[in-house]
Amino acid sequence: MAISLSVVLLLAIILVVMIRSGSIKGGPAVVAILFGFFLASSGMAPAIQRTLDSIASTINGINF
């Protein structure tokens, strides 16, 4: 839960920065948000979540 909330917050910050800098306009931003919303409620959501969890645990396991 903490990882997914952190990812959502990070992506939200990136989206706001992109909108404010003019890299992405309001319309495409809304489409991206809606795409993410509907993707999260699709059948692909568990596979995407497992992949992100795997990546997060791999990054967590790297010892510097």
PDB file of N, CA and C in Angstrom:
ATOM      1  N   MET A   1       0.821  -1.197   0.000  1.00  0.00           N
ATOM      2  CA  MET A   1       0.000   0.000   0.000  1.00  0.00           C
ATOM      3  C   MET A   1       0.862   1.257   0.000  1.00  0.00           C
ATOM      4  N   ALA A   2       1.901   1.269   0.824  1.00  0.00           N
ATOM      5  CA  ALA A   2       2.750   2.453   0.910  1.00  0.00           C
ATOM      6  C   ALA A   2       3.467   2.713  -0.401  1.00  0.00           C
ATOM      7  N   ILE A   3       3.882   1.638  -1.078  1.00  0.00           N
ATOM      8  CA  ILE A   3       4.582   1.816  -2.347  1.00  0.00           C
ATOM      9  C   ILE A   3       3.635   2.360  -3.401  1.00  0.00           C
ATOM     10  N   SER A   4       2.430   1.823  -3.498  1.00  0.00           N
ATOM     11  CA  SER A   4       1.519   2.291  -4.538  1.00  0.00           C
ATOM     12  C   SER A   4       1.094   3.732  -4.282  1.00  0.00           C
ATOM     13  N   LEU A   5       0.933   4.108  -3.007  1.00  0.00           N
ATOM     14  CA  LEU A   5       0.591   5.495  -2.694  1.00  0.00           C
ATOM     15  C   LEU A   5       1.746   6.415  -3.072  1.00  0.00           C
ATOM     16  N   SER A   6       2.977   5.979  -2.819  1.00  0.00           N
ATOM     17  CA  SER A   6       4.150   6.774  -3.185  1.00  0.00           C
ATOM     18  C   SER A   6       4.251   6.931  -4.699  1.00  0.00           C
ATOM     19  N   VAL A   7       3.969   5.871  -5.431  1.00  0.00           N
ATOM     20  CA  VAL A   7       4.029   5.930  -6.892  1.00  0.00           C
ATOM     21  C   VAL A   7       2.947   6.865  -7.417  1.00  0.00           C
ATOM     22  N   VAL A   8       1.753   6.786  -6.852  1.00  0.00           N
ATOM     23  CA  VAL A   8       0.666   7.667  -7.278  1.00  0.00           C
ATOM     24  C   VAL A   8       1.030   9.122  -7.009  1.00  0.00           C
ATOM     25  N   LEU A   9       1.588   9.397  -5.846  1.00  0.00           N
ATOM     26  CA  LEU A   9       1.990  10.765  -5.516  1.00  0.00           C
ATOM     27  C   LEU A   9       3.094  11.252  -6.449  1.00  0.00           C
ATOM     28  N   LEU A  10       4.075  10.410  -6.711  1.00  0.00           N
ATOM     29  CA  LEU A  10       5.165  10.778  -7.628  1.00  0.00           C
ATOM     30  C   LEU A  10       4.643  11.061  -9.031  1.00  0.00           C
ATOM     31  N   LEU A  11       3.763  10.191  -9.529  1.00  0.00           N
ATOM     32  CA  LEU A  11       3.208  10.400 -10.870  1.00  0.00           C
ATOM     33  C   LEU A  11       2.333  11.646 -10.924  1.00  0.00           C
ATOM     34  N   ALA A  12       1.613  11.928  -9.844  1.00  0.00           N
ATOM     35  CA  ALA A  12       0.803  13.146  -9.800  1.00  0.00           C
ATOM     36  C   ALA A  12       1.680  14.396  -9.848  1.00  0.00           C
ATOM     37  N   ILE A  13       2.789  14.363  -9.119  1.00  0.00           N
ATOM     38  CA  ILE A  13       3.708  15.505  -9.131  1.00  0.00           C
ATOM     39  C   ILE A  13       4.311  15.683 -10.523  1.00  0.00           C
ATOM     40  N   ILE A  14       4.716  14.589 -11.150  1.00  0.00           N
ATOM     41  CA  ILE A  14       5.266  14.665 -12.506  1.00  0.00           C
ATOM     42  C   ILE A  14       4.234  15.224 -13.472  1.00  0.00           C
ATOM     43  N   LEU A  15       2.993  14.772 -13.352  1.00  0.00           N
ATOM     44  CA  LEU A  15       1.932  15.260 -14.229  1.00  0.00           C
ATOM     45  C   LEU A  15       1.695  16.759 -14.039  1.00  0.00           C
ATOM     46  N   VAL A  16       1.680  17.226 -12.793  1.00  0.00           N
ATOM     47  CA  VAL A  16       1.491  18.658 -12.537  1.00  0.00           C
ATOM     48  C   VAL A  16       2.653  19.466 -13.113  1.00  0.00           C
ATOM     49  N   VAL A  17       3.873  18.976 -12.940  1.00  0.00           N
ATOM     50  CA  VAL A  17       5.041  19.688 -13.480  1.00  0.00           C
ATOM     51  C   VAL A  17       4.965  19.742 -15.003  1.00  0.00           C
ATOM     52  N   MET A  18       4.556  18.637 -15.630  1.00  0.00           N
ATOM     53  CA  MET A  18       4.459  18.620 -17.091  1.00  0.00           C
ATOM     54  C   MET A  18       3.378  19.577 -17.590  1.00  0.00           C
ATOM     55  N   ILE A  19       2.271  19.661 -16.868  1.00  0.00           N
ATOM     56  CA  ILE A  19       1.210  20.589 -17.271  1.00  0.00           C
ATOM     57  C   ILE A  19       1.685  22.025 -17.106  1.00  0.00           C
ATOM     58  N   ARG A  20       2.343  22.322 -15.979  1.00  0.00           N
ATOM     59  CA  ARG A  20       2.779  23.699 -15.719  1.00  0.00           C
ATOM     60  C   ARG A  20       3.894  24.133 -16.668  1.00  0.00           C
ATOM     61  N   SER A  21       4.741  23.184 -17.092  1.00  0.00           N
ATOM     62  CA  SER A  21       5.846  23.555 -17.986  1.00  0.00           C
ATOM     63  C   SER A  21       5.407  23.611 -19.448  1.00  0.00           C
ATOM     64  N   GLY A  22       4.226  23.133 -19.739  1.00  0.00           N
ATOM     65  CA  GLY A  22       3.729  23.164 -21.109  1.00  0.00           C
ATOM     66  C   GLY A  22       4.096  21.932 -21.916  1.00  0.00           C
ATOM     67  N   SER A  23       4.737  20.947 -21.267  1.00  0.00           N
ATOM     68  CA  SER A  23       5.091  19.718 -21.968  1.00  0.00           C
ATOM     69  C   SER A  23       3.862  18.917 -22.365  1.00  0.00           C
ATOM     70  N   ILE A  24       2.832  19.031 -21.567  1.00  0.00           N
ATOM     71  CA  ILE A  24       1.582  18.335 -21.842  1.00  0.00           C
ATOM     72  C   ILE A  24       0.443  19.311 -21.542  1.00  0.00           C
ATOM     73  N   LYS A  25      -0.524  19.333 -22.405  1.00  0.00           N
ATOM     74  CA  LYS A  25      -1.653  20.247 -22.240  1.00  0.00           C
ATOM     75  C   LYS A  25      -2.727  19.587 -21.382  1.00  0.00           C
ATOM     76  N   GLY A  26      -3.729  20.338 -21.015  1.00  0.00           N
ATOM     77  CA  GLY A  26      -4.789  19.859 -20.133  1.00  0.00           C
ATOM     78  C   GLY A  26      -5.571  18.688 -20.693  1.00  0.00           C
ATOM     79  N   GLY A  27      -5.920  18.736 -21.977  1.00  0.00           N
ATOM     80  CA  GLY A  27      -6.704  17.664 -22.594  1.00  0.00           C
ATOM     81  C   GLY A  27      -6.005  16.322 -22.553  1.00  0.00           C
ATOM     82  N   PRO A  28      -4.757  16.241 -23.054  1.00  0.00           N
ATOM     83  CA  PRO A  28      -4.035  14.971 -22.967  1.00  0.00           C
ATOM     84  C   PRO A  28      -3.802  14.501 -21.529  1.00  0.00           C
ATOM     85  N   ALA A  29      -3.652  15.446 -20.598  1.00  0.00           N
ATOM     86  CA  ALA A  29      -3.487  15.071 -19.191  1.00  0.00           C
ATOM     87  C   ALA A  29      -4.744  14.387 -18.669  1.00  0.00           C
ATOM     88  N   VAL A  30      -5.907  14.921 -19.030  1.00  0.00           N
ATOM     89  CA  VAL A  30      -7.168  14.307 -18.603  1.00  0.00           C
ATOM     90  C   VAL A  30      -7.304  12.915 -19.212  1.00  0.00           C
ATOM     91  N   VAL A  31      -6.919  12.773 -20.476  1.00  0.00           N
ATOM     92  CA  VAL A  31      -6.971  11.460 -21.127  1.00  0.00           C
ATOM     93  C   VAL A  31      -6.034  10.487 -20.412  1.00  0.00           C
ATOM     94  N   ALA A  32      -4.843  10.936 -20.045  1.00  0.00           N
ATOM     95  CA  ALA A  32      -3.902  10.073 -19.337  1.00  0.00           C
ATOM     96  C   ALA A  32      -4.454   9.655 -17.976  1.00  0.00           C
ATOM     97  N   ILE A  33      -5.079  10.576 -17.274  1.00  0.00           N
ATOM     98  CA  ILE A  33      -5.672  10.263 -15.971  1.00  0.00           C
ATOM     99  C   ILE A  33      -6.808   9.265 -16.124  1.00  0.00           C
ATOM    100  N   LEU A  34      -7.667   9.486 -17.088  1.00  0.00           N
ATOM    101  CA  LEU A  34      -8.783   8.559 -17.313  1.00  0.00           C
ATOM    102  C   LEU A  34      -8.283   7.187 -17.752  1.00  0.00           C
ATOM    103  N   PHE A  35      -7.247   7.162 -18.586  1.00  0.00           N
ATOM    104  CA  PHE A  35      -6.659   5.883 -19.007  1.00  0.00           C
ATOM    105  C   PHE A  35      -6.158   5.111 -17.792  1.00  0.00           C
ATOM    106  N   GLY A  36      -5.449   5.782 -16.914  1.00  0.00           N
ATOM    107  CA  GLY A  36      -4.959   5.127 -15.704  1.00  0.00           C
ATOM    108  C   GLY A  36      -6.081   4.641 -14.816  1.00  0.00           C
ATOM    109  N   PHE A  37      -7.120   5.441 -14.702  1.00  0.00           N
ATOM    110  CA  PHE A  37      -8.272   5.062 -13.880  1.00  0.00           C
ATOM    111  C   PHE A  37      -8.938   3.800 -14.421  1.00  0.00           C
ATOM    112  N   PHE A  38      -9.192   3.765 -15.711  1.00  0.00           N
ATOM    113  CA  PHE A  38      -9.856   2.609 -16.296  1.00  0.00           C
ATOM    114  C   PHE A  38      -8.927   1.397 -16.381  1.00  0.00           C
ATOM    115  N   LEU A  39      -7.641   1.618 -16.562  1.00  0.00           N
ATOM    116  CA  LEU A  39      -6.682   0.524 -16.556  1.00  0.00           C
ATOM    117  C   LEU A  39      -6.634  -0.139 -15.186  1.00  0.00           C
ATOM    118  N   ALA A  40      -6.738   0.672 -14.141  1.00  0.00           N
ATOM    119  CA  ALA A  40      -6.705   0.133 -12.781  1.00  0.00           C
ATOM    120  C   ALA A  40      -7.914  -0.748 -12.484  1.00  0.00           C
ATOM    121  N   SER A  41      -9.016  -0.527 -13.173  1.00  0.00           N
ATOM    122  CA  SER A  41     -10.204  -1.340 -12.921  1.00  0.00           C
ATOM    123  C   SER A  41     -10.350  -2.463 -13.940  1.00  0.00           C
ATOM    124  N   SER A  42      -9.357  -2.645 -14.790  1.00  0.00           N
ATOM    125  CA  SER A  42      -9.427  -3.698 -15.803  1.00  0.00           C
ATOM    126  C   SER A  42      -8.851  -5.001 -15.260  1.00  0.00           C
ATOM    127  N   GLY A  43      -8.921  -6.021 -16.058  1.00  0.00           N
ATOM    128  CA  GLY A  43      -8.361  -7.315 -15.689  1.00  0.00           C
ATOM    129  C   GLY A  43      -6.847  -7.325 -15.672  1.00  0.00           C
ATOM    130  N   MET A  44      -6.225  -6.330 -16.275  1.00  0.00           N
ATOM    131  CA  MET A  44      -4.759  -6.257 -16.306  1.00  0.00           C
ATOM    132  C   MET A  44      -4.180  -5.708 -15.006  1.00  0.00           C
ATOM    133  N   ALA A  45      -5.006  -5.124 -14.158  1.00  0.00           N
ATOM    134  CA  ALA A  45      -4.522  -4.469 -12.940  1.00  0.00           C
ATOM    135  C   ALA A  45      -3.699  -5.395 -12.042  1.00  0.00           C
ATOM    136  N   PRO A  46      -4.130  -6.643 -11.778  1.00  0.00           N
ATOM    137  CA  PRO A  46      -3.305  -7.502 -10.917  1.00  0.00           C
ATOM    138  C   PRO A  46      -1.920  -7.804 -11.505  1.00  0.00           C
ATOM    139  N   ALA A  47      -1.855  -8.009 -12.806  1.00  0.00           N
ATOM    140  CA  ALA A  47      -0.553  -8.283 -13.433  1.00  0.00           C
ATOM    141  C   ALA A  47       0.349  -7.062 -13.360  1.00  0.00           C
ATOM    142  N   ILE A  48      -0.216  -5.902 -13.582  1.00  0.00           N
ATOM    143  CA  ILE A  48       0.569  -4.664 -13.492  1.00  0.00           C
ATOM    144  C   ILE A  48       1.050  -4.467 -12.059  1.00  0.00           C
ATOM    145  N   GLN A  49       0.177  -4.725 -11.092  1.00  0.00           N
ATOM    146  CA  GLN A  49       0.555  -4.565  -9.682  1.00  0.00           C
ATOM    147  C   GLN A  49       1.663  -5.536  -9.298  1.00  0.00           C
ATOM    148  N   ARG A  50       1.571  -6.786  -9.759  1.00  0.00           N
ATOM    149  CA  ARG A  50       2.625  -7.766  -9.466  1.00  0.00           C
ATOM    150  C   ARG A  50       3.958  -7.327 -10.074  1.00  0.00           C
ATOM    151  N   THR A  51       3.916  -6.800 -11.296  1.00  0.00           N
ATOM    152  CA  THR A  51       5.138  -6.334 -11.950  1.00  0.00           C
ATOM    153  C   THR A  51       5.761  -5.176 -11.186  1.00  0.00           C
ATOM    154  N   LEU A  52       4.942  -4.218 -10.791  1.00  0.00           N
ATOM    155  CA  LEU A  52       5.457  -3.074 -10.033  1.00  0.00           C
ATOM    156  C   LEU A  52       5.986  -3.502  -8.672  1.00  0.00           C
ATOM    157  N   ASP A  53       5.306  -4.447  -8.020  1.00  0.00           N
ATOM    158  CA  ASP A  53       5.797  -4.959  -6.739  1.00  0.00           C
ATOM    159  C   ASP A  53       7.134  -5.663  -6.906  1.00  0.00           C
ATOM    160  N   SER A  54       7.272  -6.415  -7.990  1.00  0.00           N
ATOM    161  CA  SER A  54       8.526  -7.110  -8.266  1.00  0.00           C
ATOM    162  C   SER A  54       9.663  -6.126  -8.502  1.00  0.00           C
ATOM    163  N   ILE A  55       9.386  -5.092  -9.268  1.00  0.00           N
ATOM    164  CA  ILE A  55      10.405  -4.062  -9.523  1.00  0.00           C
ATOM    165  C   ILE A  55      10.794  -3.367  -8.226  1.00  0.00           C
ATOM    166  N   ALA A  56       9.790  -3.039  -7.401  1.00  0.00           N
ATOM    167  CA  ALA A  56      10.066  -2.367  -6.134  1.00  0.00           C
ATOM    168  C   ALA A  56      10.891  -3.242  -5.205  1.00  0.00           C
ATOM    169  N   SER A  57      10.579  -4.535  -5.149  1.00  0.00           N
ATOM    170  CA  SER A  57      11.360  -5.416  -4.273  1.00  0.00           C
ATOM    171  C   SER A  57      12.773  -5.619  -4.818  1.00  0.00           C
ATOM    172  N   THR A  58      12.928  -5.619  -6.139  1.00  0.00           N
ATOM    173  CA  THR A  58      14.262  -5.729  -6.719  1.00  0.00           C
ATOM    174  C   THR A  58      15.097  -4.500  -6.389  1.00  0.00           C
ATOM    175  N   ILE A  59      14.497  -3.332  -6.513  1.00  0.00           N
ATOM    176  CA  ILE A  59      15.209  -2.090  -6.184  1.00  0.00           C
ATOM    177  C   ILE A  59      15.536  -2.062  -4.699  1.00  0.00           C
ATOM    178  N   ASN A  60      14.599  -2.526  -3.882  1.00  0.00           N
ATOM    179  CA  ASN A  60      14.824  -2.563  -2.436  1.00  0.00           C
ATOM    180  C   ASN A  60      15.942  -3.530  -2.068  1.00  0.00           C
ATOM    181  N   GLY A  61      16.116  -4.581  -2.849  1.00  0.00           N
ATOM    182  CA  GLY A  61      17.124  -5.583  -2.561  1.00  0.00           C
ATOM    183  C   GLY A  61      18.528  -5.223  -3.008  1.00  0.00           C
ATOM    184  N   ILE A  62      18.661  -4.156  -3.765  1.00  0.00           N
ATOM    185  CA  ILE A  62      19.984  -3.732  -4.246  1.00  0.00           C
ATOM    186  C   ILE A  62      20.743  -3.095  -3.089  1.00  0.00           C
ATOM    187  N   ASN A  63      21.914  -3.611  -2.816  1.00  0.00           N
ATOM    188  CA  ASN A  63      22.758  -3.059  -1.747  1.00  0.00           C
ATOM    189  C   ASN A  63      23.832  -2.194  -2.372  1.00  0.00           C
ATOM    190  N   PHE A  64      23.870  -0.956  -1.959  1.00  0.00           N
ATOM    191  CA  PHE A  64      24.875  -0.035  -2.484  1.00  0.00           C
ATOM    192  C   PHE A  64      26.100  -0.043  -1.643  1.00  0.00           C
TER     193      PHE A  64
END
